[in-house]
Amino acid sequence: MTEKEEIWIRSGYETFALIGEKGLKVEQLAKDVGISKSSFYHHFADLDIFIEELLQYHLKISIVIAEKEKLAKTINPELINILLEHKTDLLFNRQLRIYSNKPNYKDTLSKSNYIMGKDFIRLWLADTKLNIQQKQAEGLFELALENFFLQINSDNLNKSWLENYFENLKRITRSFENPMYGSD
C-alpha cells in the first residue's frame, strides 16, 4: 500500500467507524485528507473498490487485536486496555453489524468475529470462572457480543464503561451456572 493509499484508507476507516457507509463520500474524504478527488480515483477507481479495501484492512486489524487478546491474562485491565487501544476498530465492527444486510459487510463481520472471538471466549471463561460447556459459552458469548455492540458508541467507549460492562456481564453469566427453576 502506498503512503497516499494508506492516508485514504485510514481516513475512510475512521469515517466508516464513526458515521457508517453514508459518511463515505469521495468529496468529503478528499477534504478531510487534503488530497484531490482525482487521487482517490487514481488509487481506488471507485467507491466500491475503496470499501472492499476498508473491509480487508479491518480483517488485518482483527488479526492484530486477536494476537493481543491471546497474550492477555485478565479482562481488567489487560483486555480493557486492548479494547480502548482499538476503539475505532470496535466502532468499525459495530457499523458492520448495522449494515449486515449487505453480503460483503456480513461476511467481513463473520470473519472478524471468528478471528477475535476465540481468545476472547477463553479469557472471558477464565475471568467468570463459569463451569459450563464450550457450546454454552459460545452461545452466551454471541449474545453478550451482540449486546456489547448495540450499546457502544464513540462517547461511552471508555475505561469506566468497559469495567462496568464486564462486571455486569460477569454477574449475569454467573446466574447461568446455578439456575433456579421456579419458586413454587
N, C-alpha and C. Protein backbone atom coordinates (compact mmCIF):
# COMPACT_ATOMS: atom_id res chain seq x y z
N MET A 1 0.85 -1.17 0.00
CA MET A 1 0.00 0.00 0.00
C MET A 1 0.90 1.24 0.00
N THR A 2 0.59 2.17 -0.88
CA THR A 2 1.39 3.40 -0.93
C THR A 2 0.99 4.31 0.23
N GLU A 3 1.80 5.32 0.45
CA GLU A 3 1.53 6.26 1.53
C GLU A 3 0.19 6.97 1.33
N LYS A 4 -0.08 7.38 0.09
CA LYS A 4 -1.36 8.07 -0.18
C LYS A 4 -2.55 7.12 -0.03
N GLU A 5 -2.39 5.88 -0.47
CA GLU A 5 -3.47 4.90 -0.29
C GLU A 5 -3.75 4.72 1.20
N GLU A 6 -2.69 4.64 1.98
CA GLU A 6 -2.85 4.45 3.42
C GLU A 6 -3.58 5.65 4.05
N ILE A 7 -3.28 6.85 3.59
CA ILE A 7 -3.97 8.04 4.09
C ILE A 7 -5.46 7.94 3.80
N TRP A 8 -5.80 7.57 2.57
CA TRP A 8 -7.21 7.41 2.19
C TRP A 8 -7.88 6.33 3.04
N ILE A 9 -7.20 5.19 3.18
CA ILE A 9 -7.78 4.06 3.92
C ILE A 9 -8.01 4.44 5.38
N ARG A 10 -7.03 5.03 6.01
CA ARG A 10 -7.18 5.41 7.43
C ARG A 10 -8.32 6.41 7.62
N SER A 11 -8.42 7.39 6.74
CA SER A 11 -9.50 8.38 6.84
C SER A 11 -10.86 7.72 6.60
N GLY A 12 -10.96 6.89 5.57
CA GLY A 12 -12.21 6.21 5.28
C GLY A 12 -12.61 5.25 6.39
N TYR A 13 -11.62 4.58 6.96
CA TYR A 13 -11.86 3.63 8.05
C TYR A 13 -12.45 4.35 9.26
N GLU A 14 -11.84 5.47 9.62
CA GLU A 14 -12.34 6.26 10.75
C GLU A 14 -13.73 6.81 10.47
N THR A 15 -13.93 7.31 9.26
CA THR A 15 -15.24 7.85 8.89
C THR A 15 -16.31 6.77 8.97
N PHE A 16 -16.01 5.60 8.42
CA PHE A 16 -16.97 4.49 8.46
C PHE A 16 -17.25 4.10 9.90
N ALA A 17 -16.21 4.05 10.73
CA ALA A 17 -16.37 3.66 12.13
C ALA A 17 -17.29 4.63 12.88
N LEU A 18 -17.17 5.91 12.60
CA LEU A 18 -17.94 6.91 13.34
C LEU A 18 -19.31 7.21 12.74
N ILE A 19 -19.40 7.18 11.41
CA ILE A 19 -20.63 7.62 10.75
C ILE A 19 -21.33 6.49 9.99
N GLY A 20 -20.54 5.54 9.53
CA GLY A 20 -21.10 4.47 8.71
C GLY A 20 -20.89 4.74 7.24
N GLU A 21 -21.48 3.90 6.45
CA GLU A 21 -21.30 3.97 5.00
C GLU A 21 -21.74 5.32 4.42
N LYS A 22 -22.77 5.90 5.00
CA LYS A 22 -23.28 7.17 4.47
C LYS A 22 -22.24 8.29 4.54
N GLY A 23 -21.22 8.14 5.39
CA GLY A 23 -20.16 9.13 5.51
C GLY A 23 -19.08 8.99 4.46
N LEU A 24 -19.12 7.92 3.69
CA LEU A 24 -18.08 7.67 2.69
C LEU A 24 -18.42 8.37 1.38
N LYS A 25 -18.20 9.65 1.36
CA LYS A 25 -18.38 10.48 0.17
C LYS A 25 -16.99 10.94 -0.27
N VAL A 26 -16.66 10.69 -1.53
CA VAL A 26 -15.31 10.99 -2.02
C VAL A 26 -14.95 12.46 -1.80
N GLU A 27 -15.88 13.34 -2.08
CA GLU A 27 -15.59 14.77 -1.93
C GLU A 27 -15.24 15.12 -0.48
N GLN A 28 -16.01 14.58 0.48
CA GLN A 28 -15.75 14.86 1.89
C GLN A 28 -14.44 14.21 2.34
N LEU A 29 -14.20 12.98 1.91
CA LEU A 29 -12.94 12.32 2.26
C LEU A 29 -11.75 13.12 1.73
N ALA A 30 -11.86 13.62 0.50
CA ALA A 30 -10.78 14.42 -0.10
C ALA A 30 -10.52 15.66 0.74
N LYS A 31 -11.59 16.29 1.18
CA LYS A 31 -11.47 17.47 2.02
C LYS A 31 -10.80 17.10 3.35
N ASP A 32 -11.20 15.96 3.94
CA ASP A 32 -10.65 15.52 5.22
C ASP A 32 -9.15 15.23 5.14
N VAL A 33 -8.71 14.61 4.05
CA VAL A 33 -7.29 14.25 3.93
C VAL A 33 -6.46 15.32 3.25
N GLY A 34 -7.12 16.30 2.65
CA GLY A 34 -6.40 17.37 1.98
C GLY A 34 -5.73 16.94 0.69
N ILE A 35 -6.35 15.99 0.00
CA ILE A 35 -5.83 15.47 -1.27
C ILE A 35 -6.97 15.53 -2.29
N SER A 36 -6.63 15.76 -3.54
CA SER A 36 -7.67 15.91 -4.57
C SER A 36 -8.47 14.63 -4.77
N LYS A 37 -9.72 14.80 -5.23
CA LYS A 37 -10.58 13.66 -5.54
C LYS A 37 -9.95 12.79 -6.62
N SER A 38 -9.23 13.38 -7.54
CA SER A 38 -8.63 12.59 -8.62
C SER A 38 -7.63 11.58 -8.07
N SER A 39 -6.97 11.91 -6.96
CA SER A 39 -6.05 10.97 -6.31
C SER A 39 -6.82 9.74 -5.82
N PHE A 40 -8.00 9.98 -5.27
CA PHE A 40 -8.83 8.87 -4.81
C PHE A 40 -9.11 7.92 -5.96
N TYR A 41 -9.58 8.46 -7.08
CA TYR A 41 -9.94 7.63 -8.22
C TYR A 41 -8.72 6.98 -8.87
N HIS A 42 -7.58 7.63 -8.76
CA HIS A 42 -6.34 7.03 -9.27
C HIS A 42 -5.99 5.77 -8.48
N HIS A 43 -6.19 5.82 -7.16
CA HIS A 43 -5.82 4.69 -6.30
C HIS A 43 -6.89 3.62 -6.20
N PHE A 44 -8.16 4.01 -6.27
CA PHE A 44 -9.23 3.05 -5.99
C PHE A 44 -10.26 2.87 -7.10
N ALA A 45 -10.24 3.66 -8.12
CA ALA A 45 -11.15 3.59 -9.27
C ALA A 45 -12.59 3.97 -8.90
N ASP A 46 -13.15 3.36 -7.85
CA ASP A 46 -14.50 3.77 -7.43
C ASP A 46 -14.70 3.45 -5.94
N LEU A 47 -15.83 3.89 -5.43
CA LEU A 47 -16.12 3.74 -4.00
C LEU A 47 -16.28 2.28 -3.59
N ASP A 48 -16.81 1.43 -4.46
CA ASP A 48 -16.97 0.01 -4.13
C ASP A 48 -15.62 -0.66 -3.89
N ILE A 49 -14.64 -0.35 -4.72
CA ILE A 49 -13.29 -0.90 -4.55
C ILE A 49 -12.69 -0.38 -3.24
N PHE A 50 -12.91 0.89 -2.96
CA PHE A 50 -12.42 1.50 -1.72
C PHE A 50 -13.02 0.80 -0.51
N ILE A 51 -14.32 0.55 -0.54
CA ILE A 51 -14.98 -0.13 0.58
C ILE A 51 -14.41 -1.53 0.76
N GLU A 52 -14.17 -2.24 -0.32
CA GLU A 52 -13.55 -3.57 -0.20
C GLU A 52 -12.17 -3.48 0.46
N GLU A 53 -11.42 -2.44 0.13
CA GLU A 53 -10.11 -2.22 0.77
C GLU A 53 -10.28 -1.96 2.26
N LEU A 54 -11.31 -1.20 2.63
CA LEU A 54 -11.58 -0.94 4.05
C LEU A 54 -11.90 -2.24 4.78
N LEU A 55 -12.68 -3.09 4.14
CA LEU A 55 -13.06 -4.37 4.76
C LEU A 55 -11.84 -5.27 4.94
N GLN A 56 -10.97 -5.30 3.95
CA GLN A 56 -9.73 -6.09 4.06
C GLN A 56 -8.82 -5.53 5.15
N TYR A 57 -8.76 -4.21 5.23
CA TYR A 57 -7.97 -3.55 6.27
C TYR A 57 -8.50 -3.95 7.65
N HIS A 58 -9.82 -3.99 7.79
CA HIS A 58 -10.42 -4.37 9.07
C HIS A 58 -10.04 -5.80 9.46
N LEU A 59 -10.02 -6.69 8.51
CA LEU A 59 -9.64 -8.08 8.81
C LEU A 59 -8.18 -8.15 9.26
N LYS A 60 -7.32 -7.34 8.67
CA LYS A 60 -5.91 -7.30 9.10
C LYS A 60 -5.81 -6.78 10.54
N ILE A 61 -6.58 -5.76 10.85
CA ILE A 61 -6.59 -5.21 12.21
C ILE A 61 -7.18 -6.24 13.18
N SER A 62 -8.16 -7.00 12.75
CA SER A 62 -8.76 -8.05 13.59
C SER A 62 -7.70 -9.07 14.00
N ILE A 63 -6.80 -9.40 13.11
CA ILE A 63 -5.71 -10.34 13.42
C ILE A 63 -4.78 -9.73 14.47
N VAL A 64 -4.48 -8.45 14.33
CA VAL A 64 -3.63 -7.75 15.31
C VAL A 64 -4.29 -7.79 16.69
N ILE A 65 -5.57 -7.48 16.74
CA ILE A 65 -6.31 -7.50 18.01
C ILE A 65 -6.30 -8.90 18.60
N ALA A 66 -6.55 -9.90 17.78
CA ALA A 66 -6.58 -11.29 18.26
C ALA A 66 -5.23 -11.70 18.85
N GLU A 67 -4.15 -11.28 18.23
CA GLU A 67 -2.82 -11.59 18.76
C GLU A 67 -2.62 -10.96 20.14
N LYS A 68 -3.12 -9.77 20.32
CA LYS A 68 -3.02 -9.10 21.63
C LYS A 68 -3.91 -9.81 22.65
N GLU A 69 -5.12 -10.20 22.24
CA GLU A 69 -6.03 -10.93 23.14
C GLU A 69 -5.40 -12.23 23.60
N LYS A 70 -4.71 -12.88 22.70
CA LYS A 70 -4.08 -14.16 23.01
C LYS A 70 -3.09 -14.03 24.17
N LEU A 71 -2.44 -12.88 24.28
CA LEU A 71 -1.44 -12.64 25.33
C LEU A 71 -2.06 -12.15 26.64
N ALA A 72 -3.30 -11.69 26.59
CA ALA A 72 -3.96 -11.15 27.78
C ALA A 72 -4.30 -12.26 28.76
N LYS A 73 -4.13 -11.95 30.02
CA LYS A 73 -4.44 -12.92 31.08
C LYS A 73 -5.70 -12.52 31.86
N THR A 74 -6.08 -11.26 31.77
CA THR A 74 -7.24 -10.76 32.52
C THR A 74 -8.09 -9.85 31.64
N ILE A 75 -9.36 -9.76 32.00
CA ILE A 75 -10.22 -8.80 31.32
C ILE A 75 -9.89 -7.39 31.79
N ASN A 76 -9.77 -7.24 33.10
CA ASN A 76 -9.44 -5.93 33.66
C ASN A 76 -8.12 -6.02 34.40
N PRO A 77 -7.10 -5.37 33.93
CA PRO A 77 -7.10 -4.27 32.97
C PRO A 77 -6.65 -4.65 31.54
N GLU A 78 -6.10 -5.86 31.35
CA GLU A 78 -5.44 -6.16 30.08
C GLU A 78 -6.37 -6.07 28.86
N LEU A 79 -7.47 -6.81 28.86
CA LEU A 79 -8.36 -6.79 27.70
C LEU A 79 -8.99 -5.41 27.52
N ILE A 80 -9.38 -4.79 28.61
CA ILE A 80 -9.96 -3.45 28.52
C ILE A 80 -8.99 -2.48 27.86
N ASN A 81 -7.72 -2.56 28.21
CA ASN A 81 -6.72 -1.69 27.59
C ASN A 81 -6.59 -1.96 26.09
N ILE A 82 -6.68 -3.22 25.70
CA ILE A 82 -6.63 -3.58 24.28
C ILE A 82 -7.84 -2.98 23.56
N LEU A 83 -9.01 -3.12 24.16
CA LEU A 83 -10.24 -2.59 23.55
C LEU A 83 -10.17 -1.07 23.41
N LEU A 84 -9.63 -0.40 24.42
CA LEU A 84 -9.51 1.05 24.35
C LEU A 84 -8.51 1.47 23.27
N GLU A 85 -7.45 0.72 23.14
CA GLU A 85 -6.46 1.00 22.11
C GLU A 85 -7.07 0.84 20.71
N HIS A 86 -8.06 -0.02 20.60
CA HIS A 86 -8.67 -0.32 19.30
C HIS A 86 -10.13 0.17 19.23
N LYS A 87 -10.38 1.30 19.84
CA LYS A 87 -11.72 1.88 19.88
C LYS A 87 -12.30 2.05 18.46
N THR A 88 -11.53 2.63 17.56
CA THR A 88 -12.00 2.84 16.20
C THR A 88 -12.34 1.52 15.53
N ASP A 89 -11.55 0.50 15.78
CA ASP A 89 -11.78 -0.82 15.18
C ASP A 89 -13.07 -1.44 15.71
N LEU A 90 -13.35 -1.25 16.99
CA LEU A 90 -14.61 -1.75 17.56
C LEU A 90 -15.80 -1.01 16.96
N LEU A 91 -15.65 0.29 16.79
CA LEU A 91 -16.74 1.06 16.19
C LEU A 91 -16.94 0.69 14.72
N PHE A 92 -15.86 0.35 14.02
CA PHE A 92 -15.97 -0.13 12.65
C PHE A 92 -16.77 -1.44 12.64
N ASN A 93 -16.44 -2.33 13.56
CA ASN A 93 -17.14 -3.61 13.68
C ASN A 93 -18.62 -3.39 13.98
N ARG A 94 -18.91 -2.39 14.79
CA ARG A 94 -20.31 -2.04 15.09
C ARG A 94 -21.05 -1.64 13.82
N GLN A 95 -20.40 -0.84 12.98
CA GLN A 95 -21.02 -0.42 11.72
C GLN A 95 -21.26 -1.62 10.80
N LEU A 96 -20.36 -2.58 10.83
CA LEU A 96 -20.57 -3.80 10.02
C LEU A 96 -21.86 -4.50 10.45
N ARG A 97 -22.14 -4.49 11.75
CA ARG A 97 -23.38 -5.08 12.26
C ARG A 97 -24.59 -4.29 11.75
N ILE A 98 -24.49 -2.98 11.81
CA ILE A 98 -25.60 -2.13 11.37
C ILE A 98 -25.91 -2.38 9.90
N TYR A 99 -24.87 -2.54 9.09
CA TYR A 99 -25.05 -2.73 7.65
C TYR A 99 -24.94 -4.21 7.24
N SER A 100 -25.20 -5.11 8.17
CA SER A 100 -25.00 -6.53 7.88
C SER A 100 -26.00 -7.10 6.87
N ASN A 101 -26.94 -6.29 6.41
CA ASN A 101 -27.82 -6.74 5.34
C ASN A 101 -27.07 -6.80 4.00
N LYS A 102 -25.89 -6.19 3.94
CA LYS A 102 -25.06 -6.24 2.73
C LYS A 102 -24.11 -7.43 2.85
N PRO A 103 -24.11 -8.31 1.89
CA PRO A 103 -23.32 -9.55 1.99
C PRO A 103 -21.83 -9.35 2.29
N ASN A 104 -21.19 -8.36 1.68
CA ASN A 104 -19.76 -8.18 1.94
C ASN A 104 -19.51 -7.70 3.37
N TYR A 105 -20.41 -6.91 3.93
CA TYR A 105 -20.27 -6.48 5.32
C TYR A 105 -20.52 -7.65 6.27
N LYS A 106 -21.55 -8.42 5.96
CA LYS A 106 -21.89 -9.57 6.80
C LYS A 106 -20.74 -10.59 6.80
N ASP A 107 -20.16 -10.82 5.65
CA ASP A 107 -19.04 -11.75 5.53
C ASP A 107 -17.83 -11.26 6.33
N THR A 108 -17.52 -9.97 6.21
CA THR A 108 -16.38 -9.41 6.95
C THR A 108 -16.65 -9.47 8.45
N LEU A 109 -17.87 -9.17 8.86
CA LEU A 109 -18.24 -9.25 10.27
C LEU A 109 -18.06 -10.66 10.80
N SER A 110 -18.53 -11.64 10.06
CA SER A 110 -18.40 -13.04 10.47
C SER A 110 -16.93 -13.44 10.61
N LYS A 111 -16.13 -13.08 9.63
CA LYS A 111 -14.70 -13.41 9.68
C LYS A 111 -14.02 -12.70 10.84
N SER A 112 -14.33 -11.43 11.04
CA SER A 112 -13.74 -10.65 12.11
C SER A 112 -14.11 -11.23 13.48
N ASN A 113 -15.38 -11.57 13.66
CA ASN A 113 -15.82 -12.17 14.92
C ASN A 113 -15.11 -13.48 15.19
N TYR A 114 -14.92 -14.27 14.16
CA TYR A 114 -14.23 -15.55 14.32
C TYR A 114 -12.77 -15.32 14.73
N ILE A 115 -12.12 -14.40 14.06
CA ILE A 115 -10.71 -14.11 14.34
C ILE A 115 -10.53 -13.63 15.77
N MET A 116 -11.36 -12.68 16.18
CA MET A 116 -11.19 -12.08 17.51
C MET A 116 -11.88 -12.86 18.63
N GLY A 117 -12.85 -13.69 18.29
CA GLY A 117 -13.68 -14.32 19.32
C GLY A 117 -13.05 -15.48 20.07
N LYS A 118 -12.17 -16.23 19.41
CA LYS A 118 -11.63 -17.45 20.04
C LYS A 118 -10.96 -17.17 21.38
N ASP A 119 -10.01 -16.27 21.39
CA ASP A 119 -9.28 -15.99 22.63
C ASP A 119 -10.08 -15.15 23.59
N PHE A 120 -11.00 -14.38 23.06
CA PHE A 120 -11.88 -13.59 23.92
C PHE A 120 -12.72 -14.54 24.78
N ILE A 121 -13.28 -15.59 24.17
CA ILE A 121 -14.09 -16.55 24.92
C ILE A 121 -13.25 -17.22 26.01
N ARG A 122 -12.05 -17.63 25.66
CA ARG A 122 -11.15 -18.26 26.64
C ARG A 122 -10.92 -17.33 27.84
N LEU A 123 -10.61 -16.09 27.55
CA LEU A 123 -10.34 -15.11 28.60
C LEU A 123 -11.59 -14.84 29.42
N TRP A 124 -12.71 -14.71 28.75
CA TRP A 124 -13.98 -14.46 29.43
C TRP A 124 -14.34 -15.62 30.36
N LEU A 125 -14.18 -16.86 29.89
CA LEU A 125 -14.47 -18.02 30.74
C LEU A 125 -13.55 -18.08 31.95
N ALA A 126 -12.29 -17.77 31.74
CA ALA A 126 -11.34 -17.76 32.86
C ALA A 126 -11.71 -16.68 33.87
N ASP A 127 -12.13 -15.53 33.38
CA ASP A 127 -12.47 -14.42 34.27
C ASP A 127 -13.74 -14.69 35.05
N THR A 128 -14.75 -15.25 34.41
CA THR A 128 -16.02 -15.51 35.09
C THR A 128 -16.00 -16.80 35.89
N LYS A 129 -15.02 -17.66 35.58
CA LYS A 129 -14.90 -18.96 36.25
C LYS A 129 -16.18 -19.79 36.12
N LEU A 130 -16.81 -19.67 34.97
CA LEU A 130 -18.03 -20.43 34.72
C LEU A 130 -17.70 -21.89 34.47
N ASN A 131 -18.55 -22.73 34.98
CA ASN A 131 -18.39 -24.16 34.78
C ASN A 131 -19.49 -24.61 33.82
N ILE A 132 -19.31 -24.23 32.54
CA ILE A 132 -20.28 -24.59 31.53
C ILE A 132 -19.54 -25.16 30.32
N GLN A 133 -20.28 -25.84 29.45
CA GLN A 133 -19.67 -26.44 28.27
C GLN A 133 -19.31 -25.38 27.25
N GLN A 134 -18.38 -25.72 26.35
CA GLN A 134 -17.89 -24.79 25.34
C GLN A 134 -19.04 -24.24 24.48
N LYS A 135 -19.94 -25.11 24.05
CA LYS A 135 -21.06 -24.67 23.21
C LYS A 135 -21.95 -23.67 23.95
N GLN A 136 -22.18 -23.92 25.24
CA GLN A 136 -22.97 -22.98 26.05
C GLN A 136 -22.24 -21.64 26.13
N ALA A 137 -20.94 -21.70 26.35
CA ALA A 137 -20.14 -20.48 26.45
C ALA A 137 -20.20 -19.70 25.14
N GLU A 138 -20.10 -20.40 24.02
CA GLU A 138 -20.15 -19.73 22.72
C GLU A 138 -21.50 -19.06 22.50
N GLY A 139 -22.58 -19.72 22.92
CA GLY A 139 -23.91 -19.12 22.79
C GLY A 139 -24.06 -17.88 23.65
N LEU A 140 -23.62 -17.97 24.90
CA LEU A 140 -23.68 -16.80 25.78
C LEU A 140 -22.80 -15.67 25.25
N PHE A 141 -21.64 -16.05 24.75
CA PHE A 141 -20.72 -15.05 24.21
C PHE A 141 -21.34 -14.33 23.02
N GLU A 142 -22.02 -15.06 22.17
CA GLU A 142 -22.65 -14.46 21.00
C GLU A 142 -23.71 -13.44 21.42
N LEU A 143 -24.50 -13.79 22.43
CA LEU A 143 -25.49 -12.84 22.96
C LEU A 143 -24.81 -11.62 23.58
N ALA A 144 -23.76 -11.87 24.35
CA ALA A 144 -23.03 -10.78 25.00
C ALA A 144 -22.40 -9.86 23.97
N LEU A 145 -21.88 -10.44 22.90
CA LEU A 145 -21.25 -9.66 21.83
C LEU A 145 -22.27 -8.76 21.14
N GLU A 146 -23.44 -9.31 20.84
CA GLU A 146 -24.50 -8.50 20.23
C GLU A 146 -24.89 -7.35 21.15
N ASN A 147 -25.05 -7.67 22.43
CA ASN A 147 -25.42 -6.66 23.41
C ASN A 147 -24.34 -5.58 23.50
N PHE A 148 -23.09 -5.98 23.50
CA PHE A 148 -21.96 -5.05 23.58
C PHE A 148 -22.00 -4.06 22.42
N PHE A 149 -22.14 -4.58 21.20
CA PHE A 149 -22.11 -3.72 20.03
C PHE A 149 -23.37 -2.87 19.88
N LEU A 150 -24.47 -3.30 20.48
CA LEU A 150 -25.67 -2.45 20.49
C LEU A 150 -25.47 -1.23 21.39
N GLN A 151 -24.66 -1.40 22.41
CA GLN A 151 -24.51 -0.34 23.40
C GLN A 151 -23.37 0.64 23.14
N ILE A 152 -22.31 0.19 22.49
CA ILE A 152 -21.14 1.08 22.37
C ILE A 152 -21.37 2.21 21.38
N ASN A 153 -20.71 3.31 21.66
CA ASN A 153 -20.63 4.43 20.73
C ASN A 153 -19.35 5.20 21.05
N SER A 154 -19.04 6.20 20.27
CA SER A 154 -17.77 6.90 20.45
C SER A 154 -17.70 7.66 21.78
N ASP A 155 -18.83 7.95 22.37
CA ASP A 155 -18.84 8.68 23.64
C ASP A 155 -18.69 7.78 24.87
N ASN A 156 -19.32 6.61 24.85
CA ASN A 156 -19.29 5.78 26.05
C ASN A 156 -18.19 4.73 26.07
N LEU A 157 -17.50 4.55 24.98
CA LEU A 157 -16.46 3.52 24.92
C LEU A 157 -15.19 4.03 25.63
N ASN A 158 -15.21 3.87 26.95
CA ASN A 158 -14.10 4.33 27.78
C ASN A 158 -13.86 3.30 28.89
N LYS A 159 -12.81 3.52 29.68
CA LYS A 159 -12.40 2.57 30.71
C LYS A 159 -13.51 2.29 31.72
N SER A 160 -14.14 3.34 32.21
CA SER A 160 -15.19 3.19 33.21
C SER A 160 -16.37 2.38 32.67
N TRP A 161 -16.82 2.70 31.46
CA TRP A 161 -17.95 1.99 30.88
C TRP A 161 -17.60 0.53 30.66
N LEU A 162 -16.39 0.26 30.15
CA LEU A 162 -15.98 -1.13 29.90
C LEU A 162 -15.87 -1.92 31.20
N GLU A 163 -15.32 -1.32 32.24
CA GLU A 163 -15.24 -2.01 33.54
C GLU A 163 -16.64 -2.36 34.04
N ASN A 164 -17.55 -1.41 33.97
CA ASN A 164 -18.94 -1.67 34.40
C ASN A 164 -19.61 -2.73 33.53
N TYR A 165 -19.39 -2.65 32.23
CA TYR A 165 -19.99 -3.61 31.32
C TYR A 165 -19.54 -5.03 31.66
N PHE A 166 -18.24 -5.22 31.82
CA PHE A 166 -17.72 -6.56 32.07
C PHE A 166 -18.09 -7.07 33.46
N GLU A 167 -18.19 -6.20 34.44
CA GLU A 167 -18.65 -6.62 35.77
C GLU A 167 -20.11 -7.06 35.72
N ASN A 168 -20.92 -6.30 35.01
CA ASN A 168 -22.33 -6.65 34.86
C ASN A 168 -22.48 -7.97 34.09
N LEU A 169 -21.69 -8.12 33.05
CA LEU A 169 -21.72 -9.36 32.26
C LEU A 169 -21.31 -10.55 33.13
N LYS A 170 -20.32 -10.38 33.96
CA LYS A 170 -19.88 -11.45 34.86
C LYS A 170 -21.01 -11.83 35.81
N ARG A 171 -21.68 -10.82 36.37
CA ARG A 171 -22.79 -11.06 37.30
C ARG A 171 -23.92 -11.82 36.60
N ILE A 172 -24.27 -11.40 35.41
CA ILE A 172 -25.36 -12.04 34.67
C ILE A 172 -25.00 -13.47 34.30
N THR A 173 -23.80 -13.68 33.80
CA THR A 173 -23.43 -15.03 33.34
C THR A 173 -23.28 -16.01 34.48
N ARG A 174 -22.94 -15.54 35.66
CA ARG A 174 -22.84 -16.45 36.81
C ARG A 174 -24.19 -17.06 37.16
N SER A 175 -25.26 -16.36 36.83
CA SER A 175 -26.60 -16.89 37.14
C SER A 175 -26.91 -18.11 36.27
N PHE A 176 -26.19 -18.31 35.18
CA PHE A 176 -26.41 -19.48 34.33
C PHE A 176 -25.83 -20.75 34.94
N GLU A 177 -24.92 -20.59 35.85
CA GLU A 177 -24.27 -21.75 36.45
C GLU A 177 -25.19 -22.48 37.42
N ASN A 178 -25.96 -21.74 38.19
CA ASN A 178 -26.89 -22.33 39.16
C ASN A 178 -28.29 -21.78 38.92
N PRO A 179 -28.90 -22.18 37.82
CA PRO A 179 -30.22 -21.61 37.51
C PRO A 179 -31.29 -22.08 38.50
N MET A 180 -32.22 -21.20 38.75
CA MET A 180 -33.36 -21.55 39.60
C MET A 180 -34.51 -21.91 38.67
N TYR A 181 -35.20 -22.97 38.96
CA TYR A 181 -36.26 -23.47 38.08
C TYR A 181 -37.64 -23.13 38.60
N GLY A 182 -37.76 -22.02 39.26
CA GLY A 182 -39.06 -21.63 39.77
C GLY A 182 -39.09 -21.66 41.28
N SER A 183 -40.03 -20.99 41.84
CA SER A 183 -40.09 -20.89 43.30
C SER A 183 -41.41 -21.42 43.84
N ASP A 184 -42.04 -22.32 43.10
CA ASP A 184 -43.33 -22.89 43.56
C ASP A 184 -43.11 -23.90 44.61
